[in-house]
Amino acid sequence: MGYDFIDGEHRWIEVGHTRAVRVIVLVWTLRGSIVRPVTAWQAPRKRTIAYLKLKGLT
């Protein structure tokens, strides 16, 4: 979904869903060879609907 360089590190933004089909937005970074989550939140309604349509989950 997106990429940025913040506070001296590369950060990626992704949209995904849980097993219960809860759509979330996740910001993560690589620290060495370890993937580290920075923050996550429930996707807004419009983004949730668009994501579910894209994935064929509606």
PDB file of N, CA and C in Angstrom:
ATOM      1  N   MET A   1       0.817  -1.190   0.000  1.00  0.00           N
ATOM      2  CA  MET A   1       0.000   0.000   0.000  1.00  0.00           C
ATOM      3  C   MET A   1       0.861   1.253   0.000  1.00  0.00           C
ATOM      4  N   GLY A   2       1.913   1.278   0.813  1.00  0.00           N
ATOM      5  CA  GLY A   2       2.713   2.481   0.858  1.00  0.00           C
ATOM      6  C   GLY A   2       4.045   2.261   1.552  1.00  0.00           C
ATOM      7  N   TYR A   3       4.878   3.283   1.433  1.00  0.00           N
ATOM      8  CA  TYR A   3       6.225   3.229   1.977  1.00  0.00           C
ATOM      9  C   TYR A   3       6.635   4.655   2.339  1.00  0.00           C
ATOM     10  N   ASP A   4       7.411   4.794   3.419  1.00  0.00           N
ATOM     11  CA  ASP A   4       7.893   6.112   3.814  1.00  0.00           C
ATOM     12  C   ASP A   4       9.197   5.948   4.581  1.00  0.00           C
ATOM     13  N   PHE A   5       9.918   7.028   4.743  1.00  0.00           N
ATOM     14  CA  PHE A   5      11.147   7.055   5.531  1.00  0.00           C
ATOM     15  C   PHE A   5      10.910   8.019   6.679  1.00  0.00           C
ATOM     16  N   ILE A   6      10.772   7.477   7.901  1.00  0.00           N
ATOM     17  CA  ILE A   6      10.409   8.277   9.076  1.00  0.00           C
ATOM     18  C   ILE A   6      11.386   7.980  10.212  1.00  0.00           C
ATOM     19  N   ASP A   7      11.816   9.018  10.891  1.00  0.00           N
ATOM     20  CA  ASP A   7      12.706   8.871  12.051  1.00  0.00           C
ATOM     21  C   ASP A   7      13.925   7.997  11.749  1.00  0.00           C
ATOM     22  N   GLY A   8      14.460   8.143  10.539  1.00  0.00           N
ATOM     23  CA  GLY A   8      15.676   7.422  10.193  1.00  0.00           C
ATOM     24  C   GLY A   8      15.492   5.968   9.820  1.00  0.00           C
ATOM     25  N   GLU A   9      14.253   5.515   9.625  1.00  0.00           N
ATOM     26  CA  GLU A   9      14.053   4.127   9.219  1.00  0.00           C
ATOM     27  C   GLU A   9      12.950   4.016   8.155  1.00  0.00           C
ATOM     28  N   HIS A  10      13.052   2.971   7.366  1.00  0.00           N
ATOM     29  CA  HIS A  10      12.066   2.696   6.330  1.00  0.00           C
ATOM     30  C   HIS A  10      10.835   2.082   6.990  1.00  0.00           C
ATOM     31  N   ARG A  11       9.648   2.572   6.612  1.00  0.00           N
ATOM     32  CA  ARG A  11       8.403   2.026   7.157  1.00  0.00           C
ATOM     33  C   ARG A  11       7.435   1.723   6.025  1.00  0.00           C
ATOM     34  N   TRP A  12       6.842   0.555   6.111  1.00  0.00           N
ATOM     35  CA  TRP A  12       5.879   0.122   5.116  1.00  0.00           C
ATOM     36  C   TRP A  12       4.488   0.123   5.736  1.00  0.00           C
ATOM     37  N   ILE A  13       3.481   0.427   4.914  1.00  0.00           N
ATOM     38  CA  ILE A  13       2.085   0.431   5.354  1.00  0.00           C
ATOM     39  C   ILE A  13       1.346  -0.601   4.515  1.00  0.00           C
ATOM     40  N   GLU A  14       0.676  -1.533   5.171  1.00  0.00           N
ATOM     41  CA  GLU A  14      -0.043  -2.609   4.499  1.00  0.00           C
ATOM     42  C   GLU A  14      -1.462  -2.704   5.049  1.00  0.00           C
ATOM     43  N   VAL A  15      -2.359  -3.218   4.232  1.00  0.00           N
ATOM     44  CA  VAL A  15      -3.721  -3.507   4.665  1.00  0.00           C
ATOM     45  C   VAL A  15      -3.910  -5.012   4.561  1.00  0.00           C
ATOM     46  N   GLY A  16      -4.519  -5.597   5.576  1.00  0.00           N
ATOM     47  CA  GLY A  16      -4.759  -7.032   5.579  1.00  0.00           C
ATOM     48  C   GLY A  16      -5.952  -7.345   6.451  1.00  0.00           C
ATOM     49  N   HIS A  17      -6.167  -8.636   6.689  1.00  0.00           N
ATOM     50  CA  HIS A  17      -7.288  -9.009   7.541  1.00  0.00           C
ATOM     51  C   HIS A  17      -6.915 -10.181   8.442  1.00  0.00           C
ATOM     52  N   THR A  18      -7.641 -10.261   9.536  1.00  0.00           N
ATOM     53  CA  THR A  18      -7.448 -11.342  10.498  1.00  0.00           C
ATOM     54  C   THR A  18      -8.284 -12.549  10.076  1.00  0.00           C
ATOM     55  N   ARG A  19      -8.160 -13.641  10.798  1.00  0.00           N
ATOM     56  CA  ARG A  19      -8.977 -14.838  10.521  1.00  0.00           C
ATOM     57  C   ARG A  19     -10.459 -14.541  10.651  1.00  0.00           C
ATOM     58  N   ALA A  20     -10.804 -13.601  11.499  1.00  0.00           N
ATOM     59  CA  ALA A  20     -12.207 -13.219  11.693  1.00  0.00           C
ATOM     60  C   ALA A  20     -12.636 -12.147  10.675  1.00  0.00           C
ATOM     61  N   VAL A  21     -11.808 -11.905   9.664  1.00  0.00           N
ATOM     62  CA  VAL A  21     -12.038 -10.936   8.591  1.00  0.00           C
ATOM     63  C   VAL A  21     -12.211  -9.518   9.139  1.00  0.00           C
ATOM     64  N   ARG A  22     -11.431  -9.184  10.129  1.00  0.00           N
ATOM     65  CA  ARG A  22     -11.337  -7.808  10.618  1.00  0.00           C
ATOM     66  C   ARG A  22     -10.219  -7.142   9.826  1.00  0.00           C
ATOM     67  N   VAL A  23     -10.532  -6.086   9.091  1.00  0.00           N
ATOM     68  CA  VAL A  23      -9.559  -5.431   8.215  1.00  0.00           C
ATOM     69  C   VAL A  23      -8.733  -4.450   9.047  1.00  0.00           C
ATOM     70  N   ILE A  24      -7.411  -4.571   8.923  1.00  0.00           N
ATOM     71  CA  ILE A  24      -6.504  -3.725   9.698  1.00  0.00           C
ATOM     72  C   ILE A  24      -5.480  -3.051   8.788  1.00  0.00           C
ATOM     73  N   VAL A  25      -4.971  -1.935   9.250  1.00  0.00           N
ATOM     74  CA  VAL A  25      -3.853  -1.233   8.613  1.00  0.00           C
ATOM     75  C   VAL A  25      -2.655  -1.445   9.537  1.00  0.00           C
ATOM     76  N   LEU A  26      -1.531  -1.872   8.967  1.00  0.00           N
ATOM     77  CA  LEU A  26      -0.340  -2.178   9.748  1.00  0.00           C
ATOM     78  C   LEU A  26       0.839  -1.380   9.217  1.00  0.00           C
ATOM     79  N   VAL A  27       1.569  -0.745  10.123  1.00  0.00           N
ATOM     80  CA  VAL A  27       2.824  -0.069   9.791  1.00  0.00           C
ATOM     81  C   VAL A  27       3.938  -0.915  10.392  1.00  0.00           C
ATOM     82  N   TRP A  28       4.930  -1.273   9.564  1.00  0.00           N
ATOM     83  CA  TRP A  28       6.022  -2.121  10.040  1.00  0.00           C
ATOM     84  C   TRP A  28       7.360  -1.664   9.462  1.00  0.00           C
ATOM     85  N   THR A  29       8.433  -2.123  10.101  1.00  0.00           N
ATOM     86  CA  THR A  29       9.786  -1.793   9.673  1.00  0.00           C
ATOM     87  C   THR A  29      10.679  -3.012   9.829  1.00  0.00           C
ATOM     88  N   LEU A  30      11.813  -2.975   9.182  1.00  0.00           N
ATOM     89  CA  LEU A  30      12.828  -4.010   9.359  1.00  0.00           C
ATOM     90  C   LEU A  30      13.912  -3.456  10.260  1.00  0.00           C
ATOM     91  N   ARG A  31      14.248  -4.190  11.291  1.00  0.00           N
ATOM     92  CA  ARG A  31      15.372  -3.826  12.165  1.00  0.00           C
ATOM     93  C   ARG A  31      16.330  -5.005  12.125  1.00  0.00           C
ATOM     94  N   GLY A  32      17.376  -4.837  11.340  1.00  0.00           N
ATOM     95  CA  GLY A  32      18.250  -5.975  11.058  1.00  0.00           C
ATOM     96  C   GLY A  32      17.485  -6.922  10.154  1.00  0.00           C
ATOM     97  N   SER A  33      17.348  -8.169  10.571  1.00  0.00           N
ATOM     98  CA  SER A  33      16.579  -9.141   9.786  1.00  0.00           C
ATOM     99  C   SER A  33      15.220  -9.431  10.420  1.00  0.00           C
ATOM    100  N   ILE A  34      14.832  -8.615  11.404  1.00  0.00           N
ATOM    101  CA  ILE A  34      13.584  -8.835  12.130  1.00  0.00           C
ATOM    102  C   ILE A  34      12.520  -7.841  11.673  1.00  0.00           C
ATOM    103  N   VAL A  35      11.331  -8.358  11.366  1.00  0.00           N
ATOM    104  CA  VAL A  35      10.192  -7.502  11.030  1.00  0.00           C
ATOM    105  C   VAL A  35       9.580  -7.024  12.345  1.00  0.00           C
ATOM    106  N   ARG A  36       9.468  -5.709  12.492  1.00  0.00           N
ATOM    107  CA  ARG A  36       8.939  -5.133  13.733  1.00  0.00           C
ATOM    108  C   ARG A  36       7.690  -4.310  13.427  1.00  0.00           C
ATOM    109  N   PRO A  37       6.556  -4.640  14.057  1.00  0.00           N
ATOM    110  CA  PRO A  37       5.372  -3.790  13.887  1.00  0.00           C
ATOM    111  C   PRO A  37       5.586  -2.467  14.607  1.00  0.00           C
ATOM    112  N   VAL A  38       5.153  -1.383  13.984  1.00  0.00           N
ATOM    113  CA  VAL A  38       5.246  -0.060  14.592  1.00  0.00           C
ATOM    114  C   VAL A  38       3.898   0.292  15.220  1.00  0.00           C
ATOM    115  N   THR A  39       2.821   0.124  14.438  1.00  0.00           N
ATOM    116  CA  THR A  39       1.474   0.377  14.938  1.00  0.00           C
ATOM    117  C   THR A  39       0.476  -0.302  14.010  1.00  0.00           C
ATOM    118  N   ALA A  40      -0.743  -0.483  14.498  1.00  0.00           N
ATOM    119  CA  ALA A  40      -1.820  -1.052  13.691  1.00  0.00           C
ATOM    120  C   ALA A  40      -3.142  -0.510  14.211  1.00  0.00           C
ATOM    121  N   TRP A  41      -4.127  -0.434  13.307  1.00  0.00           N
ATOM    122  CA  TRP A  41      -5.458   0.023  13.698  1.00  0.00           C
ATOM    123  C   TRP A  41      -6.494  -0.575  12.761  1.00  0.00           C
ATOM    124  N   GLN A  42      -7.721  -0.587  13.217  1.00  0.00           N
ATOM    125  CA  GLN A  42      -8.806  -1.081  12.381  1.00  0.00           C
ATOM    126  C   GLN A  42      -9.002  -0.117  11.214  1.00  0.00           C
ATOM    127  N   ALA A  43      -9.126  -0.664  10.005  1.00  0.00           N
ATOM    128  CA  ALA A  43      -9.275   0.168   8.812  1.00  0.00           C
ATOM    129  C   ALA A  43     -10.603   0.928   8.859  1.00  0.00           C
ATOM    130  N   PRO A  44     -10.612   2.154   8.344  1.00  0.00           N
ATOM    131  CA  PRO A  44     -11.863   2.908   8.253  1.00  0.00           C
ATOM    132  C   PRO A  44     -12.864   2.175   7.341  1.00  0.00           C
ATOM    133  N   ARG A  45     -14.115   2.501   7.485  1.00  0.00           N
ATOM    134  CA  ARG A  45     -15.189   1.810   6.766  1.00  0.00           C
ATOM    135  C   ARG A  45     -14.980   1.779   5.248  1.00  0.00           C
ATOM    136  N   LYS A  46     -14.649   2.915   4.643  1.00  0.00           N
ATOM    137  CA  LYS A  46     -14.452   2.956   3.187  1.00  0.00           C
ATOM    138  C   LYS A  46     -13.317   2.037   2.754  1.00  0.00           C
ATOM    139  N   ARG A  47     -12.232   2.068   3.476  1.00  0.00           N
ATOM    140  CA  ARG A  47     -11.092   1.210   3.137  1.00  0.00           C
ATOM    141  C   ARG A  47     -11.441  -0.258   3.350  1.00  0.00           C
ATOM    142  N   THR A  48     -12.208  -0.557   4.394  1.00  0.00           N
ATOM    143  CA  THR A  48     -12.631  -1.929   4.654  1.00  0.00           C
ATOM    144  C   THR A  48     -13.473  -2.459   3.500  1.00  0.00           C
ATOM    145  N   ILE A  49     -14.449  -1.678   3.065  1.00  0.00           N
ATOM    146  CA  ILE A  49     -15.320  -2.100   1.968  1.00  0.00           C
ATOM    147  C   ILE A  49     -14.508  -2.322   0.690  1.00  0.00           C
ATOM    148  N   ALA A  50     -13.612  -1.393   0.364  1.00  0.00           N
ATOM    149  CA  ALA A  50     -12.786  -1.521  -0.843  1.00  0.00           C
ATOM    150  C   ALA A  50     -11.892  -2.758  -0.764  1.00  0.00           C
ATOM    151  N   TYR A  51     -11.298  -3.004   0.385  1.00  0.00           N
ATOM    152  CA  TYR A  51     -10.419  -4.163   0.567  1.00  0.00           C
ATOM    153  C   TYR A  51     -11.198  -5.461   0.405  1.00  0.00           C
ATOM    154  N   LEU A  52     -12.350  -5.560   1.044  1.00  0.00           N
ATOM    155  CA  LEU A  52     -13.144  -6.777   0.973  1.00  0.00           C
ATOM    156  C   LEU A  52     -13.610  -7.055  -0.454  1.00  0.00           C
ATOM    157  N   LYS A  53     -13.983  -6.013  -1.202  1.00  0.00           N
ATOM    158  CA  LYS A  53     -14.368  -6.179  -2.603  1.00  0.00           C
ATOM    159  C   LYS A  53     -13.172  -6.668  -3.433  1.00  0.00           C
ATOM    160  N   LEU A  54     -12.011  -6.045  -3.218  1.00  0.00           N
ATOM    161  CA  LEU A  54     -10.813  -6.418  -3.946  1.00  0.00           C
ATOM    162  C   LEU A  54     -10.448  -7.889  -3.721  1.00  0.00           C
ATOM    163  N   LYS A  55     -10.591  -8.351  -2.489  1.00  0.00           N
ATOM    164  CA  LYS A  55     -10.248  -9.723  -2.129  1.00  0.00           C
ATOM    165  C   LYS A  55     -11.377 -10.716  -2.408  1.00  0.00           C
ATOM    166  N   GLY A  56     -12.536 -10.215  -2.840  1.00  0.00           N
ATOM    167  CA  GLY A  56     -13.679 -11.089  -3.127  1.00  0.00           C
ATOM    168  C   GLY A  56     -14.299 -11.679  -1.884  1.00  0.00           C
ATOM    169  N   LEU A  57     -14.258 -10.935  -0.794  1.00  0.00           N
ATOM    170  CA  LEU A  57     -14.765 -11.428   0.485  1.00  0.00           C
ATOM    171  C   LEU A  57     -16.149 -10.853   0.844  1.00  0.00           C
ATOM    172  N   THR A  58     -16.795 -10.156  -0.105  1.00  0.00           N
ATOM    173  CA  THR A  58     -18.117  -9.603   0.187  1.00  0.00           C
ATOM    174  C   THR A  58     -19.187 -10.384  -0.539  1.00  0.00           C
TER     175      THR A  58
END
